[in-house]
Protein backbone atom coordinates (compact mmCIF):
# COMPACT_ATOMS: atom_id res chain seq x y z
CA MET A 1 -0.01 -0.01 0.03
CA VAL A 2 1.46 3.34 -0.96
CA VAL A 3 0.37 6.69 0.26
CA ARG A 4 0.51 9.70 -2.03
CA GLY A 5 3.21 12.07 -1.35
CA HIS A 6 1.14 14.55 0.62
CA THR A 7 2.81 16.86 3.12
CA CYS A 8 1.68 17.97 6.54
CA GLY A 9 3.22 21.09 7.79
CA GLY A 10 6.37 20.55 5.71
CA GLY A 11 6.75 16.81 6.67
CA ALA A 12 5.70 13.81 4.64
CA LEU A 13 2.53 11.94 5.60
CA ALA A 14 4.42 9.04 6.86
CA VAL A 15 6.23 11.38 9.39
CA CYS A 16 2.95 13.14 10.42
CA ALA A 17 1.27 9.91 11.08
CA LEU A 18 3.63 8.56 13.71
CA ALA A 19 4.46 12.06 14.86
CA VAL A 20 0.87 12.38 16.33
CA ALA A 21 2.00 9.77 18.87
CA GLY A 22 5.24 11.71 19.43
CA VAL A 23 7.43 9.42 17.35
CA MET A 24 9.66 11.41 15.06
CA THR A 25 11.99 8.54 13.80
CA VAL A 26 10.60 7.11 10.63
CA GLY A 27 12.34 5.49 7.76
CA SER A 28 12.38 2.68 5.22
CA GLY A 29 12.49 -1.06 5.61
CA CYS A 30 10.43 -3.83 7.25
CA SER A 31 8.47 -4.31 3.97
CA GLY A 32 6.61 -7.62 3.77
CA THR A 33 5.45 -9.63 0.74
CA GLY A 34 1.78 -10.24 -0.11
CA GLY A 35 -0.03 -13.52 -0.20
CA ASP A 36 -0.66 -15.76 -3.12
CA ARG A 37 -4.11 -16.35 -4.69
CA SER A 38 -5.94 -19.13 -2.89
CA ASP A 39 -5.80 -22.41 -4.62
CA GLY A 40 -7.60 -25.75 -4.44
CA ALA A 41 -5.04 -27.15 -1.96
CA GLY A 42 -5.68 -24.23 0.54
CA GLU A 43 -9.46 -24.58 0.29
CA ARG A 44 -9.41 -28.33 0.90
CA ALA A 45 -7.11 -27.71 3.90
CA VAL A 46 -9.58 -25.32 5.50
CA VAL A 47 -12.56 -27.65 4.86
CA GLY A 48 -10.55 -30.38 6.40
CA ASP A 49 -9.99 -28.34 9.67
CA GLY A 50 -13.88 -28.08 9.96
CA ALA A 51 -14.41 -24.59 8.74
CA THR A 52 -16.92 -23.72 6.27
CA GLY A 53 -16.18 -21.87 3.00
CA THR A 54 -12.99 -20.87 1.10
CA PRO A 55 -10.01 -19.26 2.82
CA VAL A 56 -11.32 -15.81 1.46
CA ALA A 57 -14.85 -16.39 3.06
CA VAL A 58 -13.29 -17.60 6.45
CA VAL A 59 -11.04 -14.55 6.74
CA ARG A 60 -13.74 -12.04 5.80
CA ARG A 61 -16.02 -13.37 8.59
CA ALA A 62 -13.37 -12.64 11.26
CA ALA A 63 -14.83 -9.11 12.07
CA GLY A 64 -18.20 -10.40 12.54
CA GLU A 65 -17.03 -13.27 14.94
CA LEU A 66 -15.21 -10.59 17.15
CA ALA A 67 -18.46 -8.54 17.40
CA GLY A 68 -20.29 -11.72 18.69
CA ALA A 69 -17.42 -12.41 21.12
CA GLY A 70 -17.86 -8.99 22.63
CA THR A 71 -14.63 -8.07 24.46
CA ALA A 72 -11.00 -8.87 24.64
CA GLN A 73 -7.61 -7.94 26.02
CA ALA A 74 -5.36 -6.54 23.31
CA ARG A 75 -1.69 -6.13 22.70
CA THR A 76 -0.29 -4.01 19.85
CA SER A 77 3.00 -3.17 18.25
CA MET A 78 3.75 -0.82 15.33
CA GLU A 79 7.24 -1.20 13.86
CA THR A 80 9.42 0.84 11.42
CA ALA A 81 13.13 1.12 10.67
CA ALA A 82 15.34 3.82 9.75
CA GLY A 83 19.06 3.59 8.86
CA GLY A 84 19.33 0.22 10.39
CA THR A 85 17.63 1.40 13.61
CA ARG A 86 14.32 -0.36 14.36
CA VAL A 87 11.53 1.56 16.25
CA THR A 88 8.74 -0.23 17.71
CA ILE A 89 5.74 1.32 19.56
CA ARG A 90 3.86 -1.11 21.89
CA GLY A 91 0.45 -0.95 23.40
CA ARG A 92 -1.66 -3.03 25.92
CA GLY A 93 -5.23 -2.64 27.00
CA THR A 94 -8.85 -3.86 26.48
CA TYR A 95 -11.42 -3.42 23.75
CA ASP A 96 -15.10 -3.85 23.22
CA PHE A 97 -15.93 -4.93 19.70
CA ARG A 98 -19.65 -4.43 20.11
CA ARG A 99 -19.39 -0.82 21.17
CA GLN A 100 -16.09 -0.40 19.32
CA LEU A 101 -14.53 1.31 22.41
CA GLY A 102 -11.18 0.63 23.82
CA ARG A 103 -8.33 1.90 26.24
CA ILE A 104 -4.79 1.29 25.14
CA ARG A 105 -1.65 2.25 27.05
CA VAL A 106 1.00 3.14 24.45
CA VAL A 107 4.60 2.86 25.35
CA LEU A 108 7.12 4.70 23.12
CA PRO A 109 10.67 3.43 22.68
CA LYS A 110 13.58 5.35 24.26
CA ASP A 111 14.67 8.42 22.49
CA ALA A 112 11.84 8.19 19.97
CA ALA A 113 10.13 11.33 21.36
CA GLY A 114 13.44 13.35 21.46
CA ALA A 115 15.87 14.09 24.14
CA ASP A 116 13.40 13.61 26.91
CA GLU A 117 11.81 10.15 27.42
CA HIS A 118 8.05 10.32 27.04
CA ARG A 119 5.65 8.90 29.50
CA PRO A 120 3.28 6.22 28.31
CA ILE A 121 0.28 7.65 26.26
CA THR A 122 -3.16 6.72 27.14
CA GLU A 123 -5.39 6.20 23.99
CA LEU A 124 -9.14 5.86 24.01
CA LEU A 125 -10.48 4.36 20.82
CA ALA A 126 -13.99 5.15 19.71
CA PRO A 127 -15.97 5.23 16.41
CA GLY A 128 -14.63 8.15 14.43
CA ALA A 129 -12.37 9.50 17.11
CA LEU A 130 -9.10 9.00 18.90
CA TYR A 131 -8.32 10.52 22.25
CA MET A 132 -4.75 10.80 23.63
CA LYS A 133 -3.67 11.75 27.20
CA ASN A 134 -0.04 12.51 28.22
CA ARG A 135 0.36 13.58 24.62
CA GLY A 136 3.17 16.05 25.79
CA ALA A 137 4.24 18.77 23.23
CA GLY A 138 2.60 21.39 25.22
CA VAL A 139 -0.61 19.72 26.05
CA PRO A 140 -1.50 20.06 29.83
CA ASP A 141 -1.24 16.84 31.74
CA ASP A 142 -4.88 16.79 32.69
CA LYS A 143 -6.14 17.37 29.00
CA TRP A 144 -7.00 15.02 26.23
CA VAL A 145 -6.30 15.57 22.48
CA ARG A 146 -9.18 14.46 20.36
CA ILE A 147 -8.48 13.47 16.63
CA ASP A 148 -11.30 12.91 14.09
CA THR A 149 -10.18 9.71 12.45
CA THR A 150 -12.60 10.27 9.51
CA ALA A 151 -10.50 13.35 8.56
CA LEU A 152 -7.21 11.46 8.63
CA GLU A 153 -5.79 10.42 5.32
CA ASP A 154 -4.95 6.85 6.80
CA GLY A 155 -8.15 6.63 8.69
CA ASN A 156 -6.15 6.08 11.95
CA LEU A 157 -4.54 2.91 10.62
CA VAL A 158 -1.18 4.15 11.84
CA THR A 159 -1.55 7.66 13.13
CA GLY A 160 -1.80 6.85 16.89
CA GLY A 161 0.92 4.27 17.00
CA VAL A 162 -1.92 1.72 17.24
CA THR A 163 -4.16 0.17 14.54
CA ASP A 164 -7.76 0.28 16.05
CA PRO A 165 -8.70 -3.29 16.69
CA THR A 166 -11.94 -2.81 14.89
CA ALA A 167 -10.24 -1.28 11.93
CA ALA A 168 -7.66 -4.15 11.87
CA ALA A 169 -10.42 -6.67 11.78
CA GLU A 170 -12.66 -4.77 9.34
CA LEU A 171 -9.85 -4.59 6.96
CA LEU A 172 -10.06 -8.28 6.52
CA ARG A 173 -13.64 -7.83 5.02
CA GLY A 174 -11.70 -6.71 1.98
CA ALA A 175 -9.60 -9.88 1.95
CA ASP A 176 -8.55 -11.25 -1.49
CA GLU A 177 -5.98 -13.71 -2.81
CA VAL A 178 -6.10 -15.60 0.52
CA THR A 179 -4.02 -18.68 1.06
CA TYR A 180 -4.41 -21.15 3.82
CA VAL A 181 -0.84 -21.66 5.24
CA GLY A 182 -1.45 -24.28 7.82
CA ARG A 183 -1.99 -24.95 11.57
CA THR A 184 0.14 -23.40 14.34
CA GLU A 185 -0.15 -21.92 17.79
CA VAL A 186 -0.33 -18.31 18.99
CA GLU A 187 0.50 -18.18 22.79
CA GLY A 188 -0.48 -21.89 23.28
CA VAL A 189 -3.86 -21.58 21.30
CA PRO A 190 -4.29 -23.80 18.19
CA VAL A 191 -4.82 -21.56 15.23
CA ARG A 192 -5.14 -21.60 11.52
CA HIS A 193 -2.76 -19.28 9.66
CA PHE A 194 -3.95 -17.39 6.53
CA ARG A 195 -1.97 -15.13 4.28
CA GLY A 196 -3.37 -12.68 1.69
CA THR A 197 -4.04 -9.03 0.79
CA ALA A 198 -6.89 -6.82 1.75
CA ASP A 199 -8.43 -4.08 -0.42
CA ILE A 200 -9.19 -0.98 1.66
CA GLY A 201 -11.95 0.18 -0.66
CA ARG A 202 -13.81 -3.14 -0.60
CA ALA A 203 -13.32 -3.26 3.21
CA ALA A 204 -14.82 0.21 3.68
CA ARG A 205 -17.94 -0.82 1.59
CA ALA A 206 -18.48 -3.92 3.66
CA ALA A 207 -17.52 -2.43 7.07
CA SER A 208 -19.94 -1.65 9.88
CA PRO A 209 -21.51 1.86 9.63
CA SER A 210 -19.52 3.12 12.73
CA SER A 211 -16.11 2.23 11.16
CA ARG A 212 -17.09 2.94 7.57
CA GLY A 213 -16.06 6.62 7.77
CA ALA A 214 -12.48 5.97 8.84
CA LEU A 215 -11.92 3.25 6.28
CA SER A 216 -13.47 5.34 3.63
CA ALA A 217 -10.98 8.10 4.46
CA ALA A 218 -8.10 5.65 4.11
CA ALA A 219 -9.40 4.34 0.94
CA LYS A 220 -9.29 7.90 -0.55
CA GLY A 221 -5.93 8.82 0.96
CA PHE A 222 -4.00 5.83 -0.27
CA SER A 223 -3.05 5.57 -3.91
CA THR A 224 -3.08 1.77 -3.73
CA ASP A 225 -5.62 -0.12 -1.72
CA SER A 226 -3.72 -3.34 -1.41
CA VAL A 227 -2.57 -4.36 2.16
CA PRO A 228 -0.61 -7.56 2.72
CA PHE A 229 -1.59 -9.50 5.89
CA ASP A 230 -1.09 -12.61 7.93
CA VAL A 231 -3.97 -13.51 10.18
CA TYR A 232 -4.34 -16.38 12.72
CA LEU A 233 -7.85 -17.72 13.61
CA ASP A 234 -8.70 -20.09 16.38
CA ASP A 235 -11.07 -23.03 15.87
CA ALA A 236 -14.02 -20.80 16.91
CA GLY A 237 -13.16 -18.38 14.13
CA LEU A 238 -11.94 -15.77 16.58
CA LEU A 239 -8.98 -13.60 15.53
CA ARG A 240 -6.05 -14.16 17.78
CA LYS A 241 -3.32 -12.37 15.69
CA VAL A 242 -3.20 -10.15 12.63
CA ARG A 243 -0.19 -8.46 10.98
CA HIS A 244 -0.62 -5.81 8.40
CA ARG A 245 2.10 -4.24 6.32
CA PHE A 246 1.63 -0.65 5.23
CA THR A 247 4.00 1.11 2.87
CA PHE A 248 4.19 4.84 2.55
CA ALA A 249 5.64 6.81 -0.43
CA THR A 250 7.73 9.85 0.78
CA GLU A 251 10.12 12.20 -0.76
CA GLY A 252 12.97 9.78 0.10
CA PRO A 253 12.98 6.00 0.32
CA ALA A 254 9.59 4.13 1.01
CA VAL A 255 8.71 3.81 4.64
CA ALA A 256 7.25 0.46 5.71
CA VAL A 257 5.18 0.09 8.79
CA VAL A 258 4.34 -3.35 10.23
CA SER A 259 1.27 -3.28 12.60
CA THR A 260 0.49 -6.30 14.75
CA LEU A 261 -2.55 -6.94 16.98
CA LEU A 262 -2.86 -9.92 19.39
CA LEU A 263 -6.12 -10.68 21.10
CA HIS A 264 -6.78 -12.94 24.22
CA GLY A 265 -8.91 -13.02 27.40
CA PHE A 266 -12.18 -12.94 25.53
CA GLY A 267 -15.02 -11.68 27.87
CA THR A 268 -12.74 -9.41 29.91
CA PRO A 269 -14.91 -6.48 31.41
CA VAL A 270 -14.26 -3.21 29.54
CA SER A 271 -14.98 0.25 30.96
CA VAL A 272 -14.28 3.28 28.81
CA ARG A 273 -15.54 6.73 29.68
CA LEU A 274 -14.97 9.31 26.93
CA PRO A 275 -13.72 12.67 27.98
CA SER A 276 -16.17 15.58 28.28
CA ASP A 277 -15.66 18.70 26.09
CA ALA A 278 -14.11 20.53 29.05
CA ASP A 279 -11.31 17.89 29.29
CA ILE A 280 -10.42 18.38 25.53
CA TYR A 281 -7.37 20.39 24.68
CA THR A 282 -7.94 22.91 21.82
CA GLY A 283 -4.68 24.56 21.48
CA GLN A 284 -1.67 24.10 19.39
CA VAL A 285 0.29 20.77 19.78
CA GLN A 286 3.98 21.22 19.09
CA GLN A 287 5.63 18.45 17.17
CA GLY A 288 9.34 19.27 18.15
CA ARG A 289 12.32 20.46 16.20
CA SER A 290 11.67 18.30 13.08
CA GLY A 291 7.91 17.80 13.13
CA PRO A 292 4.91 19.83 12.08
CA GLU A 293 2.38 21.35 14.20
CA ALA A 294 -1.20 19.98 14.49
CA PRO A 295 -4.21 21.93 15.78
């Protein structure tokens, strides 16, 4: 997937995306390969494991299965590399797939936010919005920054350093050219591994109404809709792990971002209270020496 070479306050979109979370080190590398078109062998393997339908059909159902499951604990990582230096943003929290609400504690790597080490950022994920606390960059400690994800050119697929779990699952509704790789385990849970590509435009059209806006924005903002992925589903069809590979076109070498979501602890209670208007910061957010400013 390639982003058009838009700029944001003088910086490339790829830089702007991770800079929202305070990360200024972005470069090239970590690109992955796409999946092969599903063949008869892959389809027979899936049927043999007791699933119904082709690999494409099984993967496209993953988002609906999560909504049926309700809630889960989530771990995330977003990785890029620059000049041989690998930068990884990690997150941990809980998510409600029915209400599409979540709370993730995002940990930035050392020195990624500049000379001073940044405190963990608290992110609240909601339909059409991303809330961030401990954002730094001039934002008071008791205030939240609110970002309209439907106005982001990437639809918040990478902006906050976390791919929204609903968006990660809904992208699979656009799955195509899916191959069944085989059985393996994710943290001790038996799973089926599928590899393929997802079309953002198709995913947006098939997405639930509350997440359609953000994916539609991403479909318009990316010059190529194809997103390579690896997904791992348990025997109940629940998504246990998904890895997407996003590639950005900038003025220099292409920037590859690998976003990974792991889910466990299904049924975990999730409590998310969105900030009131009085708790939202409306001033300027400073991006540091090399970054742009965001309102």
